[in-house]
Amino acid sequence: MPYEPPTHTVERSIRATTGARIVAGVDEVGRGAWAGPVTVCAAITGLRRPPPGLTDSKLITPKRRTELADHLESWVTAYALGHSSPEEIDELGMTAALRLAAVRALDALPVRPDAVILDGKHDYLGVPWQVRTVIKGDQSCVAVAAASVIAKVRRDAMMAELQGEFSVFGFAENAGYPSPVHKAALAELGPTPHHRLSWAYLDGLPRWRHLKKVRLTPEAAALESGGQLGFDF
């Protein structure tokens, strides 16, 4: 399906209106998974012409994603990954866990960005970061698209490493998302140490419902509710 390649339009606008010199694109993967971390990539690309075929990772075949990620890691000026574990997601809720992972990624960059382009409409970073949110930024902004591809490929690889110990859950194929194989294994065997235990899927598993974790504050539960049932393969 044809698509418009991403551009540096937003980055140029940020530079022109704020004086920022270093702009990072930030994107996440794993928000809608039932197992594994939520992973955030921060990428700095400058204003160079992007590699052919760069776009939102969800629009690229797995084989092409992997090839592109390998190329992007040497093409970008800099990139870094940040993760929040299932335990942190359970404790903090998804929004706070996303912020934690994003800050970890940004702090791991060799230079501190002056501004951040964040995919989506919600600024989960906040102060002190200067943030521009862009809906479908992973399709329209070069740095965000690069972050999208790297985050997806590297998190998928992390989940595939669990396949040996937990092969019945199919993590190498579903990356922790609720596929039929994953659901069947959960119903039979219950959650692994890599599952998020505060999530609503446990309500539908009578044998394992007692394992569900409940956060103490309603505010934390409200923050999570917008992300836990999404499907963003």
Protein backbone atom coordinates (compact mmCIF):
# COMPACT_ATOMS: atom_id res chain seq x y z
CA MET A 1 0.00 0.00 0.00
CA PRO A 2 1.51 3.37 -1.00
CA TYR A 3 2.39 5.82 1.73
CA GLU A 4 4.05 9.20 2.02
CA PRO A 5 7.62 8.92 3.32
CA PRO A 6 8.38 10.69 6.61
CA THR A 7 9.93 14.15 6.52
CA HIS A 8 11.80 16.59 8.75
CA THR A 9 8.96 19.14 8.64
CA VAL A 10 8.14 18.98 12.35
CA GLU A 11 11.79 19.03 13.36
CA ARG A 12 12.46 22.05 11.15
CA SER A 13 9.46 23.80 12.70
CA ILE A 14 10.70 23.09 16.23
CA ARG A 15 14.16 24.35 15.36
CA ALA A 16 12.79 27.51 13.77
CA THR A 17 10.33 28.40 16.55
CA THR A 18 12.25 27.34 19.65
CA GLY A 19 15.90 27.54 18.74
CA ALA A 20 16.41 23.86 19.56
CA ARG A 21 19.47 22.34 17.93
CA ILE A 22 19.12 18.69 18.95
CA VAL A 23 15.71 17.10 18.45
CA ALA A 24 14.94 13.49 19.36
CA GLY A 25 12.09 11.37 18.06
CA VAL A 26 10.50 9.07 20.65
CA ASP A 27 8.20 6.09 20.15
CA GLU A 28 7.08 3.14 22.25
CA VAL A 29 6.16 -0.47 21.70
CA GLY A 30 4.55 -3.00 24.02
CA ARG A 31 1.83 -0.81 25.49
CA GLY A 32 -0.88 -3.32 24.58
CA ALA A 33 1.03 -6.51 25.36
CA TRP A 34 0.05 -8.78 28.24
CA ALA A 35 3.64 -9.87 28.88
CA GLY A 36 7.06 -8.27 28.67
CA PRO A 37 8.24 -4.71 29.14
CA VAL A 38 7.08 -1.54 27.53
CA THR A 39 9.98 -0.30 25.45
CA VAL A 40 10.76 3.24 24.32
CA CYS A 41 13.35 4.30 21.75
CA ALA A 42 14.73 7.81 21.49
CA ALA A 43 16.46 8.55 18.17
CA ILE A 44 18.35 11.58 16.88
CA THR A 45 18.65 11.72 13.10
CA GLY A 46 19.53 15.28 12.18
CA LEU A 47 18.17 16.44 8.84
CA ARG A 48 19.67 13.81 6.55
CA ARG A 49 17.65 12.01 3.89
CA PRO A 50 16.06 8.91 5.48
CA PRO A 51 16.67 5.37 4.22
CA PRO A 52 14.21 4.17 1.57
CA GLY A 53 11.13 2.50 2.99
CA LEU A 54 11.29 4.09 6.41
CA THR A 55 7.85 4.44 8.01
CA ASP A 56 5.83 3.26 11.01
CA SER A 57 7.14 -0.16 12.05
CA LYS A 58 3.62 -1.65 11.91
CA LEU A 59 3.48 -0.98 8.16
CA ILE A 60 6.67 -2.95 7.40
CA THR A 61 7.04 -6.72 7.13
CA PRO A 62 9.02 -8.41 9.93
CA LYS A 63 11.89 -9.30 7.59
CA ARG A 64 12.14 -5.76 6.23
CA ARG A 65 11.82 -4.30 9.76
CA THR A 66 14.81 -6.28 10.94
CA GLU A 67 16.90 -5.29 7.93
CA LEU A 68 15.91 -1.66 8.33
CA ALA A 69 16.61 -1.62 12.08
CA ASP A 70 20.11 -2.99 11.50
CA HIS A 71 20.75 -0.21 8.99
CA LEU A 72 19.15 2.50 11.14
CA GLU A 73 21.32 1.74 14.15
CA SER A 74 24.38 2.90 12.21
CA TRP A 75 22.53 5.55 10.17
CA VAL A 76 21.05 7.58 13.03
CA THR A 77 23.18 10.14 14.82
CA ALA A 78 22.33 8.42 18.12
CA TYR A 79 19.68 6.22 19.66
CA ALA A 80 18.95 4.63 23.01
CA LEU A 81 16.37 2.26 24.45
CA GLY A 82 14.56 2.42 27.76
CA HIS A 83 12.33 -0.24 29.31
CA SER A 84 9.81 -0.49 32.10
CA SER A 85 9.36 -4.00 33.46
CA PRO A 86 6.05 -5.79 34.03
CA GLU A 87 6.55 -5.23 37.76
CA GLU A 88 6.96 -1.49 37.22
CA ILE A 89 3.89 -1.40 34.99
CA ASP A 90 1.89 -3.18 37.68
CA GLU A 91 3.14 -0.83 40.37
CA LEU A 92 2.98 2.48 38.51
CA GLY A 93 0.36 2.07 35.79
CA MET A 94 1.04 2.37 32.08
CA THR A 95 1.34 6.15 31.77
CA ALA A 96 3.92 6.44 34.54
CA ALA A 97 5.74 3.36 33.27
CA LEU A 98 5.90 4.88 29.78
CA ARG A 99 7.39 8.04 31.20
CA LEU A 100 9.96 6.03 33.15
CA ALA A 101 11.00 4.10 30.05
CA ALA A 102 11.15 7.28 27.94
CA VAL A 103 13.27 9.12 30.49
CA ARG A 104 15.62 6.13 30.66
CA ALA A 105 15.98 6.20 26.87
CA LEU A 106 16.54 9.96 26.72
CA ASP A 107 19.01 9.89 29.61
CA ALA A 108 20.96 7.13 27.85
CA LEU A 109 21.56 9.25 24.75
CA PRO A 110 25.12 10.60 24.46
CA VAL A 111 23.72 14.16 24.24
CA ARG A 112 20.64 15.66 25.88
CA PRO A 113 18.01 16.70 23.32
CA ASP A 114 16.76 20.28 23.36
CA ALA A 115 13.32 19.07 22.25
CA VAL A 116 11.42 15.82 21.79
CA ILE A 117 8.91 14.76 19.13
CA LEU A 118 6.56 12.30 20.81
CA ASP A 119 4.36 9.96 18.79
CA GLY A 120 0.65 10.30 19.60
CA LYS A 121 -1.53 12.99 21.09
CA HIS A 122 -0.70 12.57 24.78
CA ASP A 123 2.41 14.05 26.36
CA TYR A 124 3.37 11.39 28.90
CA LEU A 125 6.82 12.98 29.36
CA GLY A 126 6.02 16.47 30.63
CA VAL A 127 8.45 18.86 32.28
CA PRO A 128 11.34 19.45 32.11
CA TRP A 129 11.26 18.11 28.56
CA GLN A 130 10.18 20.37 25.70
CA VAL A 131 7.73 18.11 23.88
CA ARG A 132 5.85 18.31 20.58
CA THR A 133 3.23 15.58 20.21
CA VAL A 134 2.42 14.43 16.68
CA ILE A 135 -0.44 12.05 15.87
CA LYS A 136 0.93 9.32 13.58
CA GLY A 137 4.37 10.79 14.06
CA ASP A 138 5.80 7.35 13.36
CA GLN A 139 4.59 7.79 9.78
CA SER A 140 5.27 11.48 9.23
CA CYS A 141 8.49 12.29 11.19
CA VAL A 142 11.83 10.76 10.28
CA ALA A 143 13.22 10.56 13.83
CA VAL A 144 10.01 9.09 15.24
CA ALA A 145 9.78 6.53 12.43
CA ALA A 146 13.37 5.48 13.10
CA ALA A 147 12.60 5.14 16.81
CA SER A 148 9.49 3.12 15.97
CA VAL A 149 11.37 0.56 13.90
CA ILE A 150 14.28 0.15 16.33
CA ALA A 151 11.98 -0.16 19.35
CA LYS A 152 9.77 -2.77 17.67
CA VAL A 153 12.60 -4.95 16.41
CA ARG A 154 14.62 -4.87 19.63
CA ARG A 155 11.64 -5.58 21.88
CA ASP A 156 10.51 -8.43 19.60
CA ALA A 157 14.02 -9.90 19.92
CA MET A 158 13.85 -9.62 23.71
CA MET A 159 10.54 -11.49 23.77
CA ALA A 160 11.85 -14.16 21.38
CA GLU A 161 14.64 -14.90 23.86
CA LEU A 162 11.96 -16.11 26.29
CA GLN A 163 10.75 -18.71 23.79
CA GLY A 164 13.05 -21.45 25.07
CA GLU A 165 11.74 -21.38 28.63
CA PHE A 166 8.15 -20.48 27.77
CA SER A 167 7.73 -21.92 24.28
CA VAL A 168 4.06 -22.81 24.78
CA PHE A 169 3.20 -19.11 25.07
CA GLY A 170 4.53 -18.35 21.58
CA PHE A 171 6.41 -15.22 22.60
CA ALA A 172 8.64 -15.43 19.53
CA GLU A 173 5.57 -14.99 17.33
CA ASN A 174 3.26 -12.80 19.43
CA ALA A 175 5.82 -10.73 21.42
CA GLY A 176 3.59 -10.96 24.48
CA TYR A 177 0.41 -9.77 22.79
CA PRO A 178 -2.86 -11.73 23.24
CA SER A 179 -2.73 -14.17 20.33
CA PRO A 180 -4.84 -17.36 20.42
CA VAL A 181 -1.77 -19.44 21.35
CA HIS A 182 -0.90 -17.03 24.15
CA LYS A 183 -4.46 -17.01 25.50
CA ALA A 184 -4.69 -20.81 25.48
CA ALA A 185 -1.39 -21.16 27.35
CA LEU A 186 -2.49 -18.60 29.94
CA ALA A 187 -5.75 -20.41 30.56
CA GLU A 188 -3.94 -23.72 31.05
CA LEU A 189 -0.73 -22.71 32.83
CA GLY A 190 -1.38 -19.26 34.25
CA PRO A 191 0.89 -16.22 33.99
CA THR A 192 4.67 -16.38 33.85
CA PRO A 193 7.03 -14.07 35.75
CA HIS A 194 6.99 -11.91 32.59
CA HIS A 195 3.26 -11.20 32.64
CA ARG A 196 1.59 -8.02 33.83
CA LEU A 197 -0.52 -9.04 36.78
CA SER A 198 -2.60 -5.90 37.26
CA TRP A 199 -4.36 -6.20 33.91
CA ALA A 200 -7.94 -7.06 33.08
CA TYR A 201 -7.17 -10.28 31.19
CA LEU A 202 -6.87 -12.05 34.56
CA ASP A 203 -10.53 -11.33 35.25
CA GLY A 204 -11.36 -13.80 32.50
CA LEU A 205 -9.16 -16.56 33.91
CA PRO A 206 -11.02 -18.03 36.95
CA ARG A 207 -8.15 -20.39 37.86
CA TRP A 208 -5.65 -17.55 38.05
CA ARG A 209 -7.76 -14.58 39.04
CA HIS A 210 -6.38 -14.69 42.58
CA LEU A 211 -2.98 -13.64 41.24
CA LYS A 212 -4.23 -10.26 40.05
CA LYS A 213 -2.49 -7.27 41.59
CA VAL A 214 -4.50 -4.19 42.47
CA ARG A 215 -2.83 -0.83 42.82
CA LEU A 216 -3.65 1.14 45.91
CA THR A 217 -4.69 4.42 44.35
CA PRO A 218 -7.59 4.93 41.92
CA GLU A 219 -5.52 7.62 40.19
CA ALA A 220 -2.90 5.05 39.19
CA ALA A 221 -5.57 2.66 37.90
CA ALA A 222 -7.15 5.46 35.86
CA LEU A 223 -3.80 6.27 34.22
CA GLU A 224 -3.40 2.69 33.03
CA SER A 225 -6.87 2.14 31.65
CA GLY A 226 -6.21 3.90 28.35
CA GLY A 227 -3.37 1.59 27.32
CA GLN A 228 -3.81 -1.91 28.61
CA LEU A 229 -6.27 -3.29 26.06
CA GLY A 230 -4.67 -1.89 22.91
CA PHE A 231 -3.41 -4.13 20.13
CA ASP A 232 -0.34 -2.61 18.47
CA PHE A 233 1.46 -5.53 16.83
